[in-house]
Each structure stands twice: as structure tokens, then as C-alpha cells.
Protein backbone atom coordinates (compact mmCIF):
# COMPACT_ATOMS: atom_id res chain seq x y z
CA MET A 1 8.10 -2.17 32.32
CA SER A 2 4.81 -3.46 33.41
CA HIS A 3 3.66 -3.55 29.92
CA ILE A 4 6.38 -5.87 28.57
CA PRO A 5 4.69 -9.26 29.50
CA ILE A 6 1.30 -8.22 27.97
CA LEU A 7 3.31 -6.96 24.83
CA LEU A 8 5.17 -10.32 24.50
CA VAL A 9 1.78 -12.00 24.90
CA GLN A 10 0.28 -9.64 22.21
CA LEU A 11 3.25 -10.41 19.87
CA VAL A 12 2.62 -14.26 20.25
CA VAL A 13 -1.08 -13.97 19.26
CA ILE A 14 -0.63 -11.50 16.44
CA LEU A 15 2.03 -13.71 14.94
CA LEU A 16 0.29 -17.01 15.28
CA ALA A 17 -3.05 -15.41 13.95
CA ALA A 18 -1.29 -13.88 10.91
CA ARG A 19 0.44 -16.98 9.94
CA LEU A 20 -2.43 -19.50 10.61
CA ILE A 21 -4.96 -17.45 8.91
CA GLY A 22 -2.59 -16.38 6.04
CA LYS A 23 -1.83 -19.91 5.35
CA LEU A 24 -5.54 -20.78 5.21
CA PHE A 25 -5.98 -18.04 2.75
CA ARG A 26 -2.87 -19.46 0.40
CA LYS A 27 -4.78 -22.80 0.35
CA ILE A 28 -7.68 -20.99 -1.44
CA HIS A 29 -5.17 -19.21 -3.62
CA GLN A 30 -5.06 -15.84 -2.12
CA PRO A 31 -1.89 -14.10 -1.28
CA GLN A 32 -1.16 -14.66 2.48
CA VAL A 33 -1.08 -10.83 3.13
CA ILE A 34 -4.94 -10.92 2.71
CA GLY A 35 -5.26 -13.57 5.23
CA GLU A 36 -3.07 -11.35 7.61
CA MET A 37 -5.25 -8.36 7.04
CA VAL A 38 -8.35 -10.41 7.97
CA ALA A 39 -6.39 -11.74 10.85
CA GLY A 40 -6.10 -8.06 12.05
CA ILE A 41 -9.91 -7.67 11.89
CA ILE A 42 -10.55 -10.99 13.63
CA LEU A 43 -8.39 -9.59 16.60
CA GLY A 44 -10.25 -6.37 16.71
CA PRO A 45 -13.64 -5.56 18.25
CA SER A 46 -15.48 -6.54 15.11
CA LEU A 47 -14.88 -10.34 16.12
CA MET A 48 -12.84 -11.13 19.18
CA GLY A 49 -14.10 -7.99 20.94
CA THR A 50 -17.81 -8.99 20.37
CA LEU A 51 -17.55 -12.63 21.03
CA PHE A 52 -15.09 -12.58 23.83
CA PRO A 53 -15.09 -8.89 25.25
CA GLU A 54 -13.29 -9.65 28.63
CA PHE A 55 -10.34 -11.49 27.06
CA SER A 56 -10.17 -8.84 24.35
CA ALA A 57 -9.94 -6.06 27.15
CA TRP A 58 -7.48 -8.09 28.82
CA LEU A 59 -5.10 -9.02 25.73
CA PHE A 60 -5.32 -5.49 24.07
CA PRO A 61 -5.79 -2.94 27.12
CA ILE A 62 -5.86 0.77 25.71
CA GLU A 63 -2.71 1.65 28.01
CA SER A 64 -0.68 -1.00 26.22
CA LEU A 65 -1.40 0.03 22.76
CA GLY A 66 1.30 2.80 22.62
CA ALA A 67 4.26 0.19 22.49
CA LEU A 68 2.50 -1.94 19.62
CA SER A 69 1.73 1.35 17.74
CA ALA A 70 5.61 2.48 17.81
CA ILE A 71 6.59 -1.00 16.85
CA SER A 72 3.98 -1.08 13.85
CA GLN A 73 5.18 2.47 12.90
CA LEU A 74 8.69 1.31 12.49
CA GLY A 75 7.44 -1.70 10.50
CA LEU A 76 5.71 0.71 8.11
CA ILE A 77 8.54 3.05 7.73
CA LEU A 78 10.84 0.14 6.68
CA PHE A 79 8.03 -1.27 4.33
CA MET A 80 7.60 2.10 2.66
CA PHE A 81 11.47 2.25 2.03
CA LEU A 82 11.25 -1.02 0.59
CA VAL A 83 8.40 0.04 -1.70
CA GLY A 84 10.41 2.95 -2.84
CA LEU A 85 13.52 0.86 -3.27
CA GLU A 86 11.59 -1.50 -5.69
CA LEU A 87 10.59 1.61 -7.87
CA ASP A 88 12.88 1.89 -10.83
CA PRO A 89 12.28 5.13 -12.66
CA ARG A 90 14.31 3.76 -15.65
CA SER A 91 11.84 0.82 -15.96
CA LEU A 92 8.90 3.10 -15.69
CA LYS A 93 10.18 5.01 -19.05
CA GLU A 94 10.48 1.81 -20.79
CA ARG A 95 6.94 0.84 -20.72
CA GLY A 96 5.63 3.36 -23.29
CA SER A 97 2.47 5.17 -23.67
CA THR A 98 0.08 2.18 -22.66
CA ALA A 99 1.39 2.03 -19.14
CA LEU A 100 1.13 5.76 -18.75
CA LEU A 101 -2.35 5.85 -20.16
CA VAL A 102 -3.43 3.00 -18.03
CA SER A 103 -1.89 4.46 -14.69
CA HIS A 104 -3.40 7.90 -15.27
CA PHE A 105 -6.98 6.67 -16.29
CA SER A 106 -6.86 4.44 -13.24
CA ILE A 107 -6.04 7.34 -11.12
CA ILE A 108 -8.30 10.04 -12.88
CA PHE A 109 -11.61 8.13 -13.36
CA PRO A 110 -11.84 6.55 -9.63
CA PHE A 111 -10.61 10.06 -8.36
CA PHE A 112 -13.37 11.78 -9.98
CA LEU A 113 -15.95 9.20 -8.84
CA GLY A 114 -14.52 9.36 -5.28
CA SER A 115 -14.93 12.98 -5.20
CA LEU A 116 -18.62 12.65 -6.36
CA LEU A 117 -19.18 9.98 -3.66
CA ALA A 118 -17.82 12.63 -1.05
CA LEU A 119 -20.81 14.94 -1.92
CA ILE A 120 -23.10 11.97 -0.60
CA LEU A 121 -20.91 10.79 2.34
CA TYR A 122 -19.84 14.09 3.63
CA PRO A 123 -23.03 15.16 5.27
CA ARG A 124 -23.51 11.81 7.11
CA LEU A 125 -20.10 10.68 7.92
CA SER A 126 -18.30 13.90 8.51
CA ASP A 127 -18.86 17.38 10.24
CA ASN A 128 -17.64 20.82 10.02
CA SER A 129 -14.32 20.20 11.72
CA VAL A 130 -13.30 18.43 8.62
CA SER A 131 -12.99 20.60 5.40
CA PHE A 132 -15.00 19.03 2.50
CA ILE A 133 -12.17 19.87 0.18
CA HIS A 134 -9.83 17.60 2.30
CA PHE A 135 -12.49 15.01 2.63
CA SER A 136 -13.17 14.71 -1.01
CA ILE A 137 -9.59 14.81 -1.97
CA PHE A 138 -8.84 12.06 0.55
CA LEU A 139 -11.75 9.88 -0.64
CA GLY A 140 -10.63 10.40 -4.32
CA VAL A 141 -7.26 9.18 -3.31
CA ALA A 142 -8.45 6.13 -1.51
CA MET A 143 -10.50 5.20 -4.54
CA SER A 144 -7.32 5.61 -6.80
CA ILE A 145 -4.69 3.56 -4.95
CA THR A 146 -3.21 0.30 -6.19
CA ALA A 147 -1.17 -2.04 -3.91
CA PHE A 148 2.27 -2.51 -5.70
CA PRO A 149 3.75 -5.07 -3.58
CA VAL A 150 0.47 -7.30 -3.57
CA LEU A 151 0.10 -6.90 -7.42
CA ALA A 152 3.77 -7.88 -7.83
CA ARG A 153 3.22 -11.01 -5.73
CA ILE A 154 -0.05 -11.88 -7.61
CA LEU A 155 1.85 -11.65 -10.78
CA ILE A 156 4.66 -13.69 -9.86
CA GLU A 157 2.74 -16.45 -8.41
CA ARG A 158 0.51 -16.62 -11.61
CA LYS A 159 3.68 -16.24 -13.83
CA LEU A 160 2.70 -13.26 -15.52
CA LEU A 161 5.34 -10.97 -14.53
CA ASN A 162 7.19 -11.05 -17.61
CA THR A 163 4.23 -11.12 -20.20
CA PRO A 164 2.80 -8.02 -21.78
CA LEU A 165 0.06 -7.92 -19.43
CA GLY A 166 2.16 -8.09 -16.26
CA ALA A 167 4.61 -5.41 -17.66
CA ILE A 168 1.96 -2.96 -18.32
CA SER A 169 0.19 -3.79 -14.80
CA ILE A 170 3.19 -3.73 -12.66
CA THR A 171 4.42 -0.50 -14.35
CA SER A 172 0.97 1.16 -14.20
CA ALA A 173 0.60 0.14 -10.48
CA ALA A 174 4.30 1.71 -9.62
CA ILE A 175 3.23 5.02 -11.40
CA ASN A 176 0.03 4.71 -9.75
CA ASP A 177 1.58 4.55 -6.52
CA VAL A 178 4.03 7.45 -6.76
CA THR A 179 1.03 9.79 -7.95
CA GLY A 180 -1.24 8.53 -5.08
CA TRP A 181 1.42 9.26 -2.27
CA LEU A 182 2.17 12.65 -3.78
CA LEU A 183 -1.66 13.39 -3.70
CA LEU A 184 -1.65 12.27 -0.16
CA ALA A 185 1.25 14.19 0.76
CA VAL A 186 -0.82 17.04 -0.53
CA VAL A 187 -3.91 16.27 1.64
CA VAL A 188 -1.67 15.73 4.93
CA LEU A 189 0.25 18.89 4.17
CA LEU A 190 -3.19 21.02 3.91
CA VAL A 191 -4.69 19.32 6.93
CA ARG A 192 -1.69 19.61 9.21
CA SER A 193 -0.81 23.11 8.17
CA SER A 194 -4.27 24.44 8.89
CA GLU A 195 -3.99 22.98 12.38
CA SER A 196 -0.48 23.61 13.35
CA GLY A 197 -0.64 27.46 12.21
CA LEU A 198 2.74 27.00 10.26
CA PRO A 199 2.63 29.00 7.12
CA LEU A 200 1.78 26.69 4.15
CA TRP A 201 4.70 28.43 2.06
CA LEU A 202 7.26 27.55 4.63
CA THR A 203 6.26 23.92 4.82
CA VAL A 204 6.35 23.67 0.97
CA ALA A 205 9.80 25.31 0.82
CA GLY A 206 11.04 22.91 3.48
CA LEU A 207 9.75 19.99 1.26
CA LEU A 208 11.28 21.33 -1.79
CA VAL A 209 14.72 21.70 0.13
CA PHE A 210 14.32 18.11 1.22
CA LEU A 211 13.53 16.74 -2.14
CA SER A 212 16.46 18.60 -3.67
CA ILE A 213 18.85 17.41 -1.05
CA MET A 214 17.59 13.87 -1.76
CA LEU A 215 17.96 14.18 -5.61
CA PHE A 216 21.09 16.25 -5.97
CA LEU A 217 23.31 15.19 -2.87
CA VAL A 218 22.15 12.00 -1.35
CA ARG A 219 21.40 10.18 -4.74
CA PRO A 220 24.77 10.78 -6.42
CA PHE A 221 26.68 9.88 -3.09
CA PHE A 222 24.88 6.69 -2.85
CA GLU A 223 25.12 5.94 -6.63
CA LYS A 224 28.91 5.85 -6.35
CA TRP A 225 28.80 4.13 -3.20
CA GLY A 226 26.42 1.50 -4.61
CA LYS A 227 29.02 0.81 -7.51
CA ARG A 228 31.64 -0.02 -5.09
CA LEU A 229 29.43 -2.18 -3.01
CA GLN A 230 28.16 -4.01 -6.33
CA HIS A 231 31.52 -5.69 -6.76
CA THR A 232 31.48 -7.35 -3.20
CA ASN A 233 27.87 -8.22 -3.87
CA SER A 234 27.55 -7.73 0.02
CA VAL A 235 26.29 -4.94 2.62
CA SER A 236 28.22 -4.79 5.47
CA HIS A 237 26.66 -3.84 8.87
CA ASP A 238 28.12 -0.32 8.84
CA SER A 239 26.77 0.15 5.19
CA LEU A 240 23.30 -1.11 6.39
CA ALA A 241 23.43 1.29 9.39
CA LEU A 242 24.17 4.19 6.93
CA ILE A 243 21.06 3.21 4.92
CA LEU A 244 18.97 2.85 7.97
CA LEU A 245 20.08 6.34 9.19
CA LEU A 246 19.10 7.87 5.76
CA VAL A 247 15.73 6.27 6.17
CA ILE A 248 15.11 7.54 9.83
CA ILE A 249 16.48 10.90 9.26
CA SER A 250 14.31 11.28 6.09
CA SER A 251 11.34 10.07 7.93
CA TRP A 252 11.99 12.45 10.90
CA PHE A 253 12.35 15.46 8.38
CA THR A 254 9.14 14.89 6.62
CA GLU A 255 7.35 14.29 9.79
CA LEU A 256 8.88 17.64 11.17
CA LEU A 257 7.62 19.32 7.88
CA GLY A 258 4.10 18.21 8.69
CA VAL A 259 3.60 15.71 5.73
CA HIS A 260 4.22 12.30 7.13
CA GLU A 261 7.37 10.01 8.17
CA LEU A 262 6.20 7.50 5.74
CA PHE A 263 6.59 9.95 2.95
CA GLY A 264 10.27 10.31 3.85
CA ALA A 265 11.02 6.75 4.03
CA PHE A 266 9.43 6.11 0.58
CA ILE A 267 11.63 9.01 -1.02
CA ALA A 268 14.72 7.58 0.83
CA GLY A 269 13.82 4.01 -1.18
CA VAL A 270 13.32 5.93 -4.53
CA VAL A 271 16.76 7.83 -4.62
CA LEU A 272 18.87 4.80 -3.60
CA PRO A 273 20.74 2.99 -6.61
CA LYS A 274 18.60 0.54 -8.57
CA GLU A 275 21.20 -1.95 -9.71
CA HIS A 276 19.30 -5.36 -9.08
CA GLY A 277 21.96 -6.84 -6.96
CA PHE A 278 22.01 -3.81 -4.70
CA VAL A 279 18.18 -3.86 -4.31
CA GLN A 280 18.25 -7.63 -3.65
CA THR A 281 20.82 -7.31 -1.10
CA ILE A 282 19.06 -4.63 0.99
CA THR A 283 15.74 -6.19 0.58
CA ASP A 284 16.85 -9.67 1.69
CA LYS A 285 18.32 -8.02 5.06
CA LEU A 286 15.24 -6.20 5.76
CA ASN A 287 12.20 -7.61 4.21
CA ASP A 288 11.81 -10.73 6.15
CA LEU A 289 11.64 -9.21 9.47
CA THR A 290 9.36 -6.53 8.25
CA VAL A 291 6.91 -8.91 6.60
CA VAL A 292 6.74 -11.54 8.97
CA LEU A 293 6.66 -9.66 12.43
CA LEU A 294 6.18 -5.89 12.02
CA LEU A 295 3.43 -5.64 9.28
CA PRO A 296 1.15 -8.14 11.17
CA ILE A 297 1.20 -5.92 14.02
CA PHE A 298 0.22 -3.16 11.87
CA PHE A 299 -2.82 -5.41 10.69
CA ALA A 300 -3.75 -5.94 14.27
CA LEU A 301 -3.78 -2.16 15.08
CA THR A 302 -5.71 -1.52 11.91
CA GLY A 303 -8.19 -4.35 13.27
CA LEU A 304 -8.47 -2.75 16.68
CA ARG A 305 -9.41 0.49 15.08
CA THR A 306 -12.03 -1.18 12.83
CA SER A 307 -15.31 -1.72 14.42
CA ILE A 308 -17.82 -3.22 11.97
CA ASN A 309 -20.46 -2.75 14.50
CA LEU A 310 -20.47 0.96 13.77
CA LEU A 311 -22.06 0.07 10.61
CA ASN A 312 -25.29 -1.23 12.30
CA GLU A 313 -26.94 2.19 12.29
CA PRO A 314 -29.58 2.63 9.70
CA GLY A 315 -28.06 3.23 6.10
CA LEU A 316 -24.61 2.92 6.69
CA TRP A 317 -24.44 -0.74 5.31
CA LEU A 318 -25.75 0.78 2.05
CA PHE A 319 -23.26 3.23 2.12
CA ALA A 320 -20.53 0.55 2.54
CA GLY A 321 -21.89 -1.31 -0.49
CA LEU A 322 -21.97 1.96 -2.47
CA ILE A 323 -18.24 2.70 -1.69
CA ILE A 324 -17.17 -0.79 -2.79
CA LEU A 325 -19.18 -0.30 -5.93
CA VAL A 326 -17.54 3.04 -6.75
CA ALA A 327 -14.26 1.68 -6.00
CA ILE A 328 -14.43 -1.40 -8.23
CA THR A 329 -16.39 0.52 -11.11
CA GLY A 330 -13.64 3.52 -11.02
CA LYS A 331 -10.70 1.54 -10.92
CA PHE A 332 -11.75 -1.42 -13.08
CA GLY A 333 -13.56 0.77 -15.53
CA GLY A 334 -10.65 3.39 -16.04
CA ALA A 335 -7.73 1.02 -16.31
CA ALA A 336 -9.83 -1.35 -18.65
CA ALA A 337 -10.96 1.47 -21.06
CA ALA A 338 -7.44 2.84 -21.03
CA ALA A 339 -6.05 -0.56 -21.85
CA ARG A 340 -8.62 -1.11 -24.74
CA TYR A 341 -8.00 2.24 -26.27
CA SER A 342 -4.31 1.34 -26.42
CA GLY A 343 -4.87 -1.65 -28.41
CA LEU A 344 -5.19 -4.57 -25.96
CA SER A 345 -7.84 -7.12 -26.52
CA TRP A 346 -10.98 -7.14 -24.46
CA ARG A 347 -9.78 -10.20 -22.32
CA GLU A 348 -6.43 -8.36 -21.79
CA SER A 349 -8.05 -5.10 -20.91
CA GLY A 350 -10.32 -6.76 -18.43
CA ALA A 351 -7.35 -8.45 -16.66
CA VAL A 352 -5.59 -4.96 -16.43
CA GLY A 353 -8.77 -3.61 -14.78
CA VAL A 354 -9.01 -6.42 -12.45
CA LEU A 355 -5.26 -6.24 -11.37
CA MET A 356 -5.32 -2.35 -11.08
CA ASN A 357 -8.41 -2.89 -8.60
CA THR A 358 -5.95 -4.60 -6.05
CA ARG A 359 -5.77 -2.35 -3.16
CA GLY A 360 -4.52 -4.35 -0.14
CA LEU A 361 -1.84 -3.02 2.36
CA MET A 362 -1.11 0.19 0.62
CA GLU A 363 -4.83 1.25 1.06
CA LEU A 364 -4.47 0.34 4.75
CA VAL A 365 -1.60 2.36 5.24
CA LEU A 366 -3.39 5.43 3.46
CA LEU A 367 -6.54 4.94 5.63
CA ASN A 368 -4.64 4.69 8.87
CA ILE A 369 -3.16 8.06 8.04
CA GLY A 370 -6.56 9.48 7.07
CA LEU A 371 -7.85 8.16 10.49
CA GLU A 372 -4.74 9.64 12.24
CA ILE A 373 -5.17 13.21 10.96
CA GLY A 374 -8.74 13.24 11.46
CA VAL A 375 -10.09 13.43 7.76
CA ILE A 376 -12.25 10.37 8.11
CA SER A 377 -14.38 9.15 11.02
CA PRO A 378 -14.18 5.65 12.65
CA ALA A 379 -17.36 4.41 10.82
CA LEU A 380 -15.97 5.60 7.40
CA PHE A 381 -12.62 4.02 8.33
CA ALA A 382 -14.44 0.65 8.82
CA MET A 383 -16.23 1.01 5.59
CA LEU A 384 -12.97 1.68 3.50
CA VAL A 385 -11.16 -1.23 5.27
CA LEU A 386 -13.90 -3.39 4.05
CA MET A 387 -13.51 -2.00 0.59
CA ALA A 388 -9.79 -2.69 0.76
CA ILE A 389 -10.07 -6.21 1.64
CA THR A 390 -12.95 -6.81 -0.74
CA THR A 391 -11.29 -5.29 -3.71
CA THR A 392 -8.02 -7.21 -2.88
CA PHE A 393 -9.80 -10.68 -2.37
CA MET A 394 -11.68 -10.59 -5.53
CA THR A 395 -8.38 -10.18 -7.74
CA ALA A 396 -7.21 -13.55 -7.98
CA PRO A 397 -10.51 -15.39 -8.92
CA LEU A 398 -11.69 -12.50 -11.37
CA LEU A 399 -8.34 -12.80 -13.08
CA GLU A 400 -8.44 -16.46 -13.46
CA TRP A 401 -12.33 -16.25 -14.62
CA ILE A 402 -11.34 -13.35 -17.21
CA TYR A 403 -7.96 -14.26 -18.27
CA TYR A 404 -6.61 -17.84 -17.66
CA VAL A 405 -7.20 -20.62 -19.96
CA ARG A 406 -6.85 -24.01 -18.26
CA VAL A 407 -5.22 -26.73 -20.34
CA VAL A 408 -4.19 -29.20 -17.58
CA PRO A 409 -5.95 -29.50 -14.19
CA GLY A 410 -4.00 -27.38 -11.70
CA LYS A 411 -1.92 -25.51 -14.59
CA TYR A 412 -2.54 -22.42 -16.60
CA ALA A 413 -1.76 -21.56 -20.20
CA VAL A 414 -0.12 -18.05 -20.17
CA PRO A 415 0.21 -15.88 -23.47
CA VAL A 416 3.33 -14.90 -25.09
CA ARG A 417 6.03 -13.49 -22.83
CA ILE A 418 7.94 -10.28 -23.32
CA SER A 419 11.61 -10.80 -24.16
CA ASP A 420 14.45 -9.86 -21.91
CA SER A 421 15.16 -6.98 -24.09
CA GLN A 422 11.63 -5.39 -23.94
CA SER A 423 11.15 -5.85 -20.04
CA THR A 424 12.85 -5.47 -17.03
CA ALA A 425 9.70 -5.79 -14.89
CA GLU A 426 11.25 -8.66 -12.75
CA ASP A 427 13.84 -6.19 -11.85
CA VAL A 428 11.19 -3.86 -10.45
CA ALA A 429 9.40 -6.42 -8.50
CA ALA A 430 10.99 -9.77 -8.34
CA SER A 431 12.25 -9.21 -4.61
CA VAL A 432 8.74 -8.02 -3.19
CA THR A 433 8.05 -11.04 -0.95
CA LEU A 434 4.56 -10.39 0.52
CA GLU A 435 3.38 -14.01 0.33
């Protein structure tokens, strides 16, 4: 109980910083979530801890961080559930070969470059306690991820969601996220199985049983149940409690298997019905609290774990620059080349490359998992956080420079829209409200 007063003060400071800095970033035409990510860095040792060390030690004493961590973990579970809820497998099939090609190349090329980069970083930023295979796979995944929710918000704000460019980008990002989380699950599974002593075959068998139950028992049940709810267009408290029980039990089971609780929450969202009214109703009930309060706590904890001062050792800033360069080259190059090969113009291909280079919140979630399981060091964590913020921040200005044509001050001319019969991209992402 002695930590309750300081916890409440922490929540006040985190919420104020997130909203104020987020609004400043909106003034410069950036999604508010980027400002909230930066607010987390400001509250950590990189700035506040350096300029006001005594105040920082009073506001965020180590013994009080357990409560913040628990709250932020709940926020991440709900967020990953919402991300899974927004992914509609039917819409992924409707985008054709272009989206598949873009998504695969935007994973394979940066993953390959990230694995090569591991050869340079491993001797300096890791040690024998971490397997090189685990290190290189994780770094490849970190280079490959795209932030589906942030990308959706950028497309909605720029009125691009229903254009050919928007449909290809949002679908590619959705496929990218699914693939990235599967690869991350493999890394976590390998690391934790080697540490726990639990046979790998037993963990894999348990995971297959879990996926089978979710696909063949839980999904049909909720599809029938969702059709009944669709007539009322509302979700009762009892129904919402049932959904939350599914999310929590799924998270607990995947954590018990040694994968990660966020993977279970993600799968729970994927298997639920995808009728737009159902998705919208659930999202409306859970999204605001998650985005406004719980995720800024996660950003603050990420900031507390990020110490830019660790990069002041000789050569580390050079490594940080190399990581950012490889991340941009791999993601932009792979996506743009695939889009151009599929028949898009150079301008459209460049725009697809820029959009797929958005990493944002999903990257931070991945990096925190990597730090938690010990695959990356605090110094490398700080470098990768800088990379995530840099690549996300550059999306909006680069997109404007490459793609938009100004016809009236303050307004944009956007190319031909896809007809409603050709695209349901808005159904995939319209309710994502990461501002």
C-alpha cells in the first residue's frame, strides 16, 4: 500500500506527458503515438534522469516499478488482442499477388540484412550467454516488423486507406505482422525452452493443441455467438466478460507454454468473428482505455529501460547509425522493389516502401520482449528504440515528398480510389484509433 501514492503520481505525470507531447507531434503532422513514444524516452534516464537525477529517482524508484509493469502488461495484452481483432483473413485473400509479394519481400530482404548485421554486432554487443542463432533471428525480425496500427492511422489521416496504394500497404502490413509474430514466437520458444529445460517437442505439441482448440472449437462457437449479437448491435457486460476471459486464458496458456502471453492475446483476437459491427463494438469498449492510459505506461517503462547514455562508449553511435541505415534500406528496398515488380509506378512503389518502413509501437513491443528474455543487451535495446522512433517519424514527411501532389494549400490530391467492391481495407483498419 505504501507504493499507491507514488503510483498515482506516476500515472498523472505519464498521462500529462503523453497527451502534451503527443499533441505537439500532431501539430507537425505526426501520429500522436510517436509523441507518446518520445514522451516515454523523455521520462527515462536519457533525459529526465540525466538533467534531474534526484527527482527522477523519487518519481520512479526501482521498488515501485513492479506495479507499473503489471499495468502496462495488461495494456499490451489488450492491445495485441485488438490488433488480432482487426486482422481479417478474408480481406488478406482479396488483395491478390501484389500484397503477398510486397509483404514477403518486405520481410525476407530486411531479415536477411538484419542477420548479416548480427555478424557485426554480436561480438561487440552480446556474449556467449546468448546463442548467435537466437541473436541473429531476433535482429532479423526486428528489422522486418511493420506497425500495422500506426500505418492504418497514417493512411486514414491522409485519406489513402481506400486507394490502391492504401489497400496494398495495409494488407501487406497485416500479413507482415502475422509473419513477424510467428517468427518472434519461434525465437521466444527456442530461448525459453533452452533455459527452462522443458523438452522442445512438448512445448510445440502444447502450442499445436492450443491453436487447434482456438481454430476448431473457440472460433466456431464465437462465430455463432457473434451472429446473434449482430442483431442487437451491442455487447452486454456478460458478453464482454466472456471475451476478456478468452483473452486472459489464452495469454496465460501461451505464457505457460513458454511462448509469451502476448502471442495468446493476439491469437484470441484473430479467431473472433470479423463482422464489422462486432469488431467495432468490441473495439469501442476496449480501445480508449488501452490507448489513452495503458499504452502510455508501456511507453514510460520502455523509456525507463532506454538509456541513450550507454551509447557514449566509442563506436556505439556508429553502430546505432548502421542499424538505422540497414533498417531503412532493408524495409524500403524490399517493399519498393516488390511493388515496382508488380506493376506499380516508381512513385507508388516508393510510397509503399515508405509506409512499410513504419515500425512504431509494434517494434517497441518486440524489443521489450527481446530485452525481457535476454536476447539483446540494454545498449542494443537503446539503439533499436532509436531506430523504431526514427523510421516511424520519417514516414509522414517522406510520404508527402514522394507521393502527394499539392493543389490547394493545406490539401492533397490523392489518386483514384478503389471501389467498394474491390476493397474492404477500411473494414480491416477503420477502428484503429492510435491517434
